């Protein structure tokens, strides 16, 4: 029984090692992709909302 638990723990540690290694590589890829993309200039709030028209003053 202890032998089975021991091998189960060893297998889990090996599994987690390879999973963490892949996650670290994936994170580095995402960082590289973010740094390669050109940054878009920040738009001010008015350009996002469009032109504001006060219809009461138009009457």
C-alpha atoms as a PDB file:
ATOM      1  CA  UNK A   1       0.000   0.000   0.000  1.00  0.00           C
ATOM      2  CA  UNK A   2       2.799   2.444   0.870  1.00  0.00           C
ATOM      3  CA  UNK A   3       4.545   1.550  -2.350  1.00  0.00           C
ATOM      4  CA  UNK A   4       1.423   2.534  -4.337  1.00  0.00           C
ATOM      5  CA  UNK A   5       1.104   5.850  -2.465  1.00  0.00           C
ATOM      6  CA  UNK A   6       4.803   6.545  -2.971  1.00  0.00           C
ATOM      7  CA  UNK A   7       4.618   5.954  -6.741  1.00  0.00           C
ATOM      8  CA  UNK A   8       1.423   8.000  -6.925  1.00  0.00           C
ATOM      9  CA  UNK A   9       3.162  10.958  -5.273  1.00  0.00           C
ATOM     10  CA  UNK A  10       6.190  10.583  -7.566  1.00  0.00           C
ATOM     11  CA  UNK A  11       3.917  10.460 -10.618  1.00  0.00           C
ATOM     12  CA  UNK A  12       1.989  13.533  -9.464  1.00  0.00           C
ATOM     13  CA  UNK A  13       5.192  15.525  -8.878  1.00  0.00           C
ATOM     14  CA  UNK A  14       6.471  14.644 -12.355  1.00  0.00           C
ATOM     15  CA  UNK A  15       3.105  15.529 -13.893  1.00  0.00           C
ATOM     16  CA  UNK A  16       2.997  18.905 -12.116  1.00  0.00           C
ATOM     17  CA  UNK A  17       6.598  19.643 -13.112  1.00  0.00           C
ATOM     18  CA  UNK A  18       5.831  19.241 -16.809  1.00  0.00           C
ATOM     19  CA  UNK A  19       2.551  21.143 -16.538  1.00  0.00           C
ATOM     20  CA  UNK A  20       4.196  24.108 -14.794  1.00  0.00           C
ATOM     21  CA  UNK A  21       7.009  24.125 -17.332  1.00  0.00           C
ATOM     22  CA  UNK A  22       4.488  24.396 -20.190  1.00  0.00           C
ATOM     23  CA  UNK A  23       2.561  27.152 -18.394  1.00  0.00           C
ATOM     24  CA  UNK A  24       5.749  29.154 -17.905  1.00  0.00           C
ATOM     25  CA  UNK A  25       6.604  28.787 -21.598  1.00  0.00           C
ATOM     26  CA  UNK A  26       3.075  29.860 -22.576  1.00  0.00           C
ATOM     27  CA  UNK A  27       3.336  32.915 -20.342  1.00  0.00           C
ATOM     28  CA  UNK A  28       6.612  33.919 -21.974  1.00  0.00           C
ATOM     29  CA  UNK A  29       5.012  33.536 -25.415  1.00  0.00           C
ATOM     30  CA  UNK A  30       2.121  35.789 -24.392  1.00  0.00           C
ATOM     31  CA  UNK A  31       4.545  38.410 -23.046  1.00  0.00           C
ATOM     32  CA  UNK A  32       6.517  38.311 -26.302  1.00  0.00           C
ATOM     33  CA  UNK A  33       3.345  38.721 -28.352  1.00  0.00           C
ATOM     34  CA  UNK A  34       2.233  41.703 -26.259  1.00  0.00           C
ATOM     35  CA  UNK A  35       5.618  43.409 -26.657  1.00  0.00           C
ATOM     36  CA  UNK A  36       5.643  42.889 -30.437  1.00  0.00           C
ATOM     37  CA  UNK A  37       2.220  44.447 -31.032  1.00  0.00           C
ATOM     38  CA  UNK A  38       2.293  48.199 -31.661  1.00  0.00           C
ATOM     39  CA  UNK A  39       0.637  50.225 -28.954  1.00  0.00           C
ATOM     40  CA  UNK A  40      -2.387  52.177 -30.076  1.00  0.00           C
ATOM     41  CA  UNK A  41      -2.491  55.784 -28.901  1.00  0.00           C
ATOM     42  CA  UNK A  42      -4.873  56.486 -26.065  1.00  0.00           C
ATOM     43  CA  UNK A  43      -8.089  58.109 -27.206  1.00  0.00           C
ATOM     44  CA  UNK A  44      -9.654  60.812 -25.109  1.00  0.00           C
ATOM     45  CA  UNK A  45     -13.124  60.328 -23.646  1.00  0.00           C
ATOM     46  CA  UNK A  46     -14.922  62.557 -26.155  1.00  0.00           C
ATOM     47  CA  UNK A  47     -13.766  60.568 -29.171  1.00  0.00           C
ATOM     48  CA  UNK A  48     -15.044  57.364 -27.577  1.00  0.00           C
ATOM     49  CA  UNK A  49     -18.454  58.855 -26.767  1.00  0.00           C
ATOM     50  CA  UNK A  50     -18.860  60.670 -30.058  1.00  0.00           C
ATOM     51  CA  UNK A  51     -20.016  64.256 -30.432  1.00  0.00           C
ATOM     52  CA  UNK A  52     -22.444  65.378 -27.732  1.00  0.00           C
ATOM     53  CA  UNK A  53     -25.455  67.362 -28.958  1.00  0.00           C
ATOM     54  CA  UNK A  54     -27.719  69.185 -26.532  1.00  0.00           C
ATOM     55  CA  UNK A  55     -31.070  68.990 -28.322  1.00  0.00           C
ATOM     56  CA  UNK A  56     -32.811  71.472 -25.982  1.00  0.00           C
ATOM     57  CA  UNK A  57     -30.609  74.281 -27.266  1.00  0.00           C
ATOM     58  CA  UNK A  58     -31.400  73.451 -30.908  1.00  0.00           C
ATOM     59  CA  UNK A  59     -35.122  74.293 -30.590  1.00  0.00           C
END
